[in-house]
Amino acid sequence: MKNLLLTGVGLLALGVTAASAADLPRREVMPTKAPVYAPPPVYNWTGFYLGINGGGAFGQSSFDGAFPSGTYNVSGGLVGGTIGYNWQIGQAVIGLEGDMDWASIRGSSNCAGLACDTRNDWLSTARGRLGYAFDRWMPYVTGGAAFGNIKTSLAGFDTDTTKVGWTAGGGIEAAVGGPWTVKVEYLYVDLGHGDTIDGLGTEAKFHTNIVRAGLNYRF
């Protein structure tokens, strides 16, 4: 009888505890939201930049006139600074760029039995650029004016004159991190001809192909 009474008391206590637990407010589980993916911003090419450039050149020079005549190859290298500004409109990029390079481009030959030599010591360009932006990549075409000197030597007669010519080419530029971009480009440069060598009635023409790389810092 005693055991039956204890068992009944235990069952009653268990029932009261279960009922109390049932009356407690249920804890709601908040659904977990997946993180929202934010794509990186599209690169914008608008702005001012400064840079350095350097590369190689190969082309031809020719002495034309009454006496003597001859055509020969010229080659060498160049290095210097770059300045420019870009405006991006949609995916089109319009820019202005200038550069000033120290150059060592020269060639020599035998012109009708006489030693002839052509040299270019400095070269500068002022060009427009038109590119198409693929986010951080931009192929472009470019063209404008070229400035440089033409030094000639023929049978002991020398000239050194500054000339204005033209240039055209193209390249590709890429944003590599932060404000830095790199580029590779090709330019054809024609400086026309130098001064006539007194007493010989001869002048030297000069044109060259430039392949160079550049590193720019955008502000």
C-alpha atoms as a PDB file:
ATOM      1  CA  MET A   1       0.000   0.000   0.000  1.00  0.00           C
ATOM      2  CA  LYS A   2       2.858   2.324   0.860  1.00  0.00           C
ATOM      3  CA  ASN A   3       4.595   1.578  -2.428  1.00  0.00           C
ATOM      4  CA  LEU A   4       1.396   2.204  -4.384  1.00  0.00           C
ATOM      5  CA  LEU A   5       1.003   5.583  -2.668  1.00  0.00           C
ATOM      6  CA  LEU A   6       4.585   6.622  -3.492  1.00  0.00           C
ATOM      7  CA  THR A   7       4.120   5.607  -7.094  1.00  0.00           C
ATOM      8  CA  GLY A   8       0.971   7.697  -7.398  1.00  0.00           C
ATOM      9  CA  VAL A   9       2.671  10.757  -5.893  1.00  0.00           C
ATOM     10  CA  GLY A  10       5.556  10.377  -8.371  1.00  0.00           C
ATOM     11  CA  LEU A  11       3.246  10.133 -11.381  1.00  0.00           C
ATOM     12  CA  LEU A  12       1.326  13.203 -10.191  1.00  0.00           C
ATOM     13  CA  ALA A  13       4.523  15.232  -9.822  1.00  0.00           C
ATOM     14  CA  LEU A  14       5.682  14.157 -13.305  1.00  0.00           C
ATOM     15  CA  GLY A  15       2.362  15.233 -14.797  1.00  0.00           C
ATOM     16  CA  VAL A  16       2.541  18.667 -13.139  1.00  0.00           C
ATOM     17  CA  THR A  17       6.102  19.198 -14.449  1.00  0.00           C
ATOM     18  CA  ALA A  18       5.098  18.223 -18.015  1.00  0.00           C
ATOM     19  CA  ALA A  19       2.089  20.541 -17.897  1.00  0.00           C
ATOM     20  CA  SER A  20       4.246  23.447 -16.679  1.00  0.00           C
ATOM     21  CA  ALA A  21       6.744  22.863 -19.477  1.00  0.00           C
ATOM     22  CA  ALA A  22       3.927  22.816 -22.014  1.00  0.00           C
ATOM     23  CA  ASP A  23       2.737  26.229 -20.758  1.00  0.00           C
ATOM     24  CA  LEU A  24       6.179  27.852 -21.328  1.00  0.00           C
ATOM     25  CA  PRO A  25       6.445  30.033 -24.476  1.00  0.00           C
ATOM     26  CA  ARG A  26       8.122  28.281 -27.339  1.00  0.00           C
ATOM     27  CA  ARG A  27      11.471  29.614 -28.550  1.00  0.00           C
ATOM     28  CA  GLU A  28      11.204  30.694 -32.139  1.00  0.00           C
ATOM     29  CA  VAL A  29      14.092  29.769 -34.469  1.00  0.00           C
ATOM     30  CA  MET A  30      14.888  32.601 -36.842  1.00  0.00           C
ATOM     31  CA  PRO A  31      15.565  31.485 -40.392  1.00  0.00           C
ATOM     32  CA  THR A  32      19.155  32.032 -41.540  1.00  0.00           C
ATOM     33  CA  LYS A  33      19.550  34.286 -44.581  1.00  0.00           C
ATOM     34  CA  ALA A  34      22.184  33.494 -47.184  1.00  0.00           C
ATOM     35  CA  PRO A  35      24.847  36.234 -47.509  1.00  0.00           C
ATOM     36  CA  VAL A  36      24.157  38.663 -50.334  1.00  0.00           C
ATOM     37  CA  TYR A  37      26.858  38.499 -53.090  1.00  0.00           C
ATOM     38  CA  ALA A  38      28.189  41.932 -54.018  1.00  0.00           C
ATOM     39  CA  PRO A  39      30.117  41.875 -57.310  1.00  0.00           C
ATOM     40  CA  PRO A  40      33.299  43.979 -57.430  1.00  0.00           C
ATOM     41  CA  PRO A  41      32.805  47.468 -58.895  1.00  0.00           C
ATOM     42  CA  VAL A  42      33.515  47.914 -62.604  1.00  0.00           C
ATOM     43  CA  TYR A  43      36.883  49.589 -63.184  1.00  0.00           C
ATOM     44  CA  ASN A  44      36.724  53.229 -64.288  1.00  0.00           C
ATOM     45  CA  TRP A  45      39.542  54.588 -66.476  1.00  0.00           C
ATOM     46  CA  THR A  46      38.727  58.284 -66.049  1.00  0.00           C
ATOM     47  CA  GLY A  47      41.529  60.331 -64.538  1.00  0.00           C
ATOM     48  CA  PHE A  48      45.018  61.791 -64.726  1.00  0.00           C
ATOM     49  CA  TYR A  49      48.145  59.600 -64.773  1.00  0.00           C
ATOM     50  CA  LEU A  50      51.953  59.742 -64.831  1.00  0.00           C
ATOM     51  CA  GLY A  51      54.290  56.952 -65.863  1.00  0.00           C
ATOM     52  CA  ILE A  52      57.511  55.673 -67.344  1.00  0.00           C
ATOM     53  CA  ASN A  53      58.107  53.859 -70.604  1.00  0.00           C
ATOM     54  CA  GLY A  54      60.922  52.096 -72.410  1.00  0.00           C
ATOM     55  CA  GLY A  55      61.575  49.781 -75.320  1.00  0.00           C
ATOM     56  CA  GLY A  56      63.299  49.273 -78.633  1.00  0.00           C
ATOM     57  CA  ALA A  57      63.194  50.785 -82.102  1.00  0.00           C
ATOM     58  CA  PHE A  58      64.005  49.596 -85.605  1.00  0.00           C
ATOM     59  CA  GLY A  59      63.566  51.345 -88.927  1.00  0.00           C
ATOM     60  CA  GLN A  60      65.342  52.893 -91.899  1.00  0.00           C
ATOM     61  CA  SER A  61      67.174  55.995 -92.946  1.00  0.00           C
ATOM     62  CA  SER A  62      68.019  57.063 -96.467  1.00  0.00           C
ATOM     63  CA  PHE A  63      70.214  59.732 -97.989  1.00  0.00           C
ATOM     64  CA  ASP A  64      68.575  61.310-101.006  1.00  0.00           C
ATOM     65  CA  GLY A  65      69.816  64.101-103.232  1.00  0.00           C
ATOM     66  CA  ALA A  66      72.307  64.936-105.886  1.00  0.00           C
ATOM     67  CA  PHE A  67      75.131  62.959-104.295  1.00  0.00           C
ATOM     68  CA  PRO A  68      75.296  60.399-102.807  1.00  0.00           C
ATOM     69  CA  SER A  69      72.285  58.146-102.111  1.00  0.00           C
ATOM     70  CA  GLY A  70      71.708  55.058 -99.970  1.00  0.00           C
ATOM     71  CA  THR A  71      69.265  53.319 -97.636  1.00  0.00           C
ATOM     72  CA  TYR A  72      70.211  51.467 -94.461  1.00  0.00           C
ATOM     73  CA  ASN A  73      68.698  50.192 -91.214  1.00  0.00           C
ATOM     74  CA  VAL A  74      68.631  52.064 -87.922  1.00  0.00           C
ATOM     75  CA  SER A  75      67.967  50.545 -84.487  1.00  0.00           C
ATOM     76  CA  GLY A  76      68.366  51.214 -80.787  1.00  0.00           C
ATOM     77  CA  GLY A  77      66.433  51.884 -77.602  1.00  0.00           C
ATOM     78  CA  LEU A  78      64.594  54.620 -75.750  1.00  0.00           C
ATOM     79  CA  VAL A  79      63.340  55.368 -72.231  1.00  0.00           C
ATOM     80  CA  GLY A  80      61.434  58.263 -70.696  1.00  0.00           C
ATOM     81  CA  GLY A  81      58.330  59.612 -68.998  1.00  0.00           C
ATOM     82  CA  THR A  82      54.607  59.690 -69.829  1.00  0.00           C
ATOM     83  CA  ILE A  83      51.733  62.005 -68.878  1.00  0.00           C
ATOM     84  CA  GLY A  84      48.072  61.657 -69.824  1.00  0.00           C
ATOM     85  CA  TYR A  85      44.368  61.909 -69.044  1.00  0.00           C
ATOM     86  CA  ASN A  86      41.437  59.565 -69.833  1.00  0.00           C
ATOM     87  CA  TRP A  87      37.690  60.151 -70.085  1.00  0.00           C
ATOM     88  CA  GLN A  88      35.475  57.042 -69.953  1.00  0.00           C
ATOM     89  CA  ILE A  89      32.040  57.247 -71.583  1.00  0.00           C
ATOM     90  CA  GLY A  90      30.250  53.919 -71.256  1.00  0.00           C
ATOM     91  CA  GLN A  91      32.883  51.451 -72.401  1.00  0.00           C
ATOM     92  CA  ALA A  92      34.608  53.946 -74.708  1.00  0.00           C
ATOM     93  CA  VAL A  93      37.757  55.603 -73.354  1.00  0.00           C
ATOM     94  CA  ILE A  94      39.034  58.825 -74.943  1.00  0.00           C
ATOM     95  CA  GLY A  95      42.441  60.078 -73.887  1.00  0.00           C
ATOM     96  CA  LEU A  96      45.303  62.481 -74.486  1.00  0.00           C
ATOM     97  CA  GLU A  97      48.879  61.315 -73.898  1.00  0.00           C
ATOM     98  CA  GLY A  98      52.339  62.800 -74.240  1.00  0.00           C
ATOM     99  CA  ASP A  99      55.809  61.430 -73.660  1.00  0.00           C
ATOM    100  CA  MET A 100      59.427  62.561 -73.741  1.00  0.00           C
ATOM    101  CA  ASP A 101      62.144  59.945 -74.262  1.00  0.00           C
ATOM    102  CA  TRP A 102      65.890  59.839 -74.371  1.00  0.00           C
ATOM    103  CA  ALA A 103      66.787  57.775 -77.429  1.00  0.00           C
ATOM    104  CA  SER A 104      69.798  56.071 -78.939  1.00  0.00           C
ATOM    105  CA  ILE A 105      68.619  55.087 -82.421  1.00  0.00           C
ATOM    106  CA  ARG A 106      71.230  55.057 -85.152  1.00  0.00           C
ATOM    107  CA  GLY A 107      72.530  53.390 -88.264  1.00  0.00           C
ATOM    108  CA  SER A 108      75.382  53.769 -90.704  1.00  0.00           C
ATOM    109  CA  SER A 109      76.394  52.546 -94.118  1.00  0.00           C
ATOM    110  CA  ASN A 110      78.555  53.191 -97.150  1.00  0.00           C
ATOM    111  CA  CYS A 111      76.874  55.687 -99.439  1.00  0.00           C
ATOM    112  CA  ALA A 112      78.519  55.708-102.871  1.00  0.00           C
ATOM    113  CA  GLY A 113      81.894  55.083-101.282  1.00  0.00           C
ATOM    114  CA  LEU A 114      81.423  57.600 -98.469  1.00  0.00           C
ATOM    115  CA  ALA A 115      80.615  56.856 -94.805  1.00  0.00           C
ATOM    116  CA  CYS A 116      77.087  58.006 -93.904  1.00  0.00           C
ATOM    117  CA  ASP A 117      75.424  57.942 -90.496  1.00  0.00           C
ATOM    118  CA  THR A 118      72.008  58.887 -89.042  1.00  0.00           C
ATOM    119  CA  ARG A 119      71.199  59.268 -85.339  1.00  0.00           C
ATOM    120  CA  ASN A 120      68.185  60.142 -83.199  1.00  0.00           C
ATOM    121  CA  ASP A 121      68.988  61.288 -79.627  1.00  0.00           C
ATOM    122  CA  TRP A 122      65.524  62.240 -78.321  1.00  0.00           C
ATOM    123  CA  LEU A 123      61.939  61.563 -79.275  1.00  0.00           C
ATOM    124  CA  SER A 124      58.626  62.957 -78.050  1.00  0.00           C
ATOM    125  CA  THR A 125      54.998  62.378 -79.060  1.00  0.00           C
ATOM    126  CA  ALA A 126      51.644  64.114 -78.405  1.00  0.00           C
ATOM    127  CA  ARG A 127      48.799  61.748 -79.239  1.00  0.00           C
ATOM    128  CA  GLY A 128      45.125  61.070 -78.915  1.00  0.00           C
ATOM    129  CA  ARG A 129      43.979  57.637 -77.745  1.00  0.00           C
ATOM    130  CA  LEU A 130      40.718  55.799 -78.350  1.00  0.00           C
ATOM    131  CA  GLY A 131      40.129  52.639 -76.348  1.00  0.00           C
ATOM    132  CA  TYR A 132      37.384  50.171 -75.463  1.00  0.00           C
ATOM    133  CA  ALA A 133      37.245  49.077 -71.825  1.00  0.00           C
ATOM    134  CA  PHE A 134      36.693  45.437 -70.898  1.00  0.00           C
ATOM    135  CA  ASP A 135      36.591  46.223 -67.172  1.00  0.00           C
ATOM    136  CA  ARG A 136      40.311  46.210 -66.240  1.00  0.00           C
ATOM    137  CA  TRP A 137      41.595  45.655 -69.805  1.00  0.00           C
ATOM    138  CA  MET A 138      41.664  48.309 -72.517  1.00  0.00           C
ATOM    139  CA  PRO A 139      42.906  47.829 -76.094  1.00  0.00           C
ATOM    140  CA  TYR A 140      43.390  51.140 -77.906  1.00  0.00           C
ATOM    141  CA  VAL A 141      44.526  52.886 -81.068  1.00  0.00           C
ATOM    142  CA  THR A 142      46.590  56.073 -80.976  1.00  0.00           C
ATOM    143  CA  GLY A 143      47.995  58.735 -83.257  1.00  0.00           C
ATOM    144  CA  GLY A 144      49.297  62.279 -83.395  1.00  0.00           C
ATOM    145  CA  ALA A 145      52.445  64.361 -83.716  1.00  0.00           C
ATOM    146  CA  ALA A 146      56.051  63.257 -83.224  1.00  0.00           C
ATOM    147  CA  PHE A 147      59.034  65.452 -82.396  1.00  0.00           C
ATOM    148  CA  GLY A 148      62.714  64.546 -82.449  1.00  0.00           C
ATOM    149  CA  ASN A 149      66.130  65.350 -83.777  1.00  0.00           C
ATOM    150  CA  ILE A 150      67.875  63.958 -86.838  1.00  0.00           C
ATOM    151  CA  LYS A 151      71.652  63.999 -86.788  1.00  0.00           C
ATOM    152  CA  THR A 152      73.455  63.157 -89.992  1.00  0.00           C
ATOM    153  CA  SER A 153      77.073  62.688 -90.883  1.00  0.00           C
ATOM    154  CA  LEU A 154      78.368  62.297 -94.419  1.00  0.00           C
ATOM    155  CA  ALA A 155      82.011  62.504 -95.467  1.00  0.00           C
ATOM    156  CA  GLY A 156      82.808  64.754 -92.495  1.00  0.00           C
ATOM    157  CA  PHE A 157      79.799  67.055 -92.994  1.00  0.00           C
ATOM    158  CA  ASP A 158      77.369  67.036 -90.030  1.00  0.00           C
ATOM    159  CA  THR A 159      73.843  68.340 -89.396  1.00  0.00           C
ATOM    160  CA  ASP A 160      71.619  68.296 -86.310  1.00  0.00           C
ATOM    161  CA  THR A 161      68.037  69.509 -86.693  1.00  0.00           C
ATOM    162  CA  THR A 162      64.775  69.219 -84.732  1.00  0.00           C
ATOM    163  CA  LYS A 163      61.904  67.891 -86.816  1.00  0.00           C
ATOM    164  CA  VAL A 164      58.129  67.562 -86.487  1.00  0.00           C
ATOM    165  CA  GLY A 165      56.548  64.441 -87.960  1.00  0.00           C
ATOM    166  CA  TRP A 166      53.696  62.076 -87.228  1.00  0.00           C
ATOM    167  CA  THR A 167      53.050  58.807 -85.404  1.00  0.00           C
ATOM    168  CA  ALA A 168      50.318  56.143 -85.264  1.00  0.00           C
ATOM    169  CA  GLY A 169      49.901  52.777 -83.583  1.00  0.00           C
ATOM    170  CA  GLY A 170      48.054  50.853 -80.913  1.00  0.00           C
ATOM    171  CA  GLY A 171      48.398  48.844 -77.749  1.00  0.00           C
ATOM    172  CA  ILE A 172      46.700  47.338 -74.728  1.00  0.00           C
ATOM    173  CA  GLU A 173      46.641  48.572 -71.122  1.00  0.00           C
ATOM    174  CA  ALA A 174      45.649  46.667 -67.984  1.00  0.00           C
ATOM    175  CA  ALA A 175      44.918  47.669 -64.379  1.00  0.00           C
ATOM    176  CA  VAL A 176      47.081  45.458 -62.172  1.00  0.00           C
ATOM    177  CA  GLY A 177      46.243  46.641 -58.650  1.00  0.00           C
ATOM    178  CA  GLY A 178      45.418  49.834 -56.823  1.00  0.00           C
ATOM    179  CA  PRO A 179      46.284  52.874 -58.941  1.00  0.00           C
ATOM    180  CA  TRP A 180      48.803  51.018 -61.151  1.00  0.00           C
ATOM    181  CA  THR A 181      48.382  50.079 -64.807  1.00  0.00           C
ATOM    182  CA  VAL A 182      50.767  48.495 -67.307  1.00  0.00           C
ATOM    183  CA  LYS A 183      50.761  48.715 -71.095  1.00  0.00           C
ATOM    184  CA  VAL A 184      52.499  47.478 -74.213  1.00  0.00           C
ATOM    185  CA  GLU A 185      52.256  49.430 -77.449  1.00  0.00           C
ATOM    186  CA  TYR A 186      53.535  49.789 -80.992  1.00  0.00           C
ATOM    187  CA  LEU A 187      54.172  53.146 -82.682  1.00  0.00           C
ATOM    188  CA  TYR A 188      55.275  53.983 -86.205  1.00  0.00           C
ATOM    189  CA  VAL A 189      57.182  57.279 -86.259  1.00  0.00           C
ATOM    190  CA  ASP A 190      58.096  59.324 -89.334  1.00  0.00           C
ATOM    191  CA  LEU A 191      60.205  62.437 -88.716  1.00  0.00           C
ATOM    192  CA  GLY A 192      60.558  63.320 -92.379  1.00  0.00           C
ATOM    193  CA  HIS A 193      64.061  64.399 -93.407  1.00  0.00           C
ATOM    194  CA  GLY A 194      66.896  66.355 -91.864  1.00  0.00           C
ATOM    195  CA  ASP A 195      68.610  69.467 -93.157  1.00  0.00           C
ATOM    196  CA  THR A 196      70.351  69.458 -96.503  1.00  0.00           C
ATOM    197  CA  ILE A 197      74.069  68.871 -96.118  1.00  0.00           C
ATOM    198  CA  ASP A 198      75.810  71.950 -97.469  1.00  0.00           C
ATOM    199  CA  GLY A 199      77.876  71.392-100.545  1.00  0.00           C
ATOM    200  CA  LEU A 200      76.433  67.940-101.220  1.00  0.00           C
ATOM    201  CA  GLY A 201      72.767  68.698-101.858  1.00  0.00           C
ATOM    202  CA  THR A 202      71.807  65.620 -99.804  1.00  0.00           C
ATOM    203  CA  GLU A 203      69.350  65.104 -96.944  1.00  0.00           C
ATOM    204  CA  ALA A 204      68.560  62.115 -94.708  1.00  0.00           C
ATOM    205  CA  LYS A 205      65.073  60.702 -94.161  1.00  0.00           C
ATOM    206  CA  PHE A 206      64.236  58.928 -90.896  1.00  0.00           C
ATOM    207  CA  HIS A 207      61.390  56.631 -89.866  1.00  0.00           C
ATOM    208  CA  THR A 208      61.237  53.954 -87.205  1.00  0.00           C
ATOM    209  CA  ASN A 209      59.033  51.338 -85.522  1.00  0.00           C
ATOM    210  CA  ILE A 210      58.829  51.444 -81.724  1.00  0.00           C
ATOM    211  CA  VAL A 211      57.792  48.589 -79.454  1.00  0.00           C
ATOM    212  CA  ARG A 212      57.731  49.552 -75.794  1.00  0.00           C
ATOM    213  CA  ALA A 213      56.180  48.878 -72.394  1.00  0.00           C
ATOM    214  CA  GLY A 214      54.956  51.335 -69.789  1.00  0.00           C
ATOM    215  CA  LEU A 215      53.993  51.573 -66.125  1.00  0.00           C
ATOM    216  CA  ASN A 216      51.468  54.262 -65.082  1.00  0.00           C
ATOM    217  CA  TYR A 217      50.224  55.593 -61.752  1.00  0.00           C
ATOM    218  CA  ARG A 218      46.639  56.930 -61.812  1.00  0.00           C
ATOM    219  CA  PHE A 219      45.511  59.773 -59.564  1.00  0.00           C
END
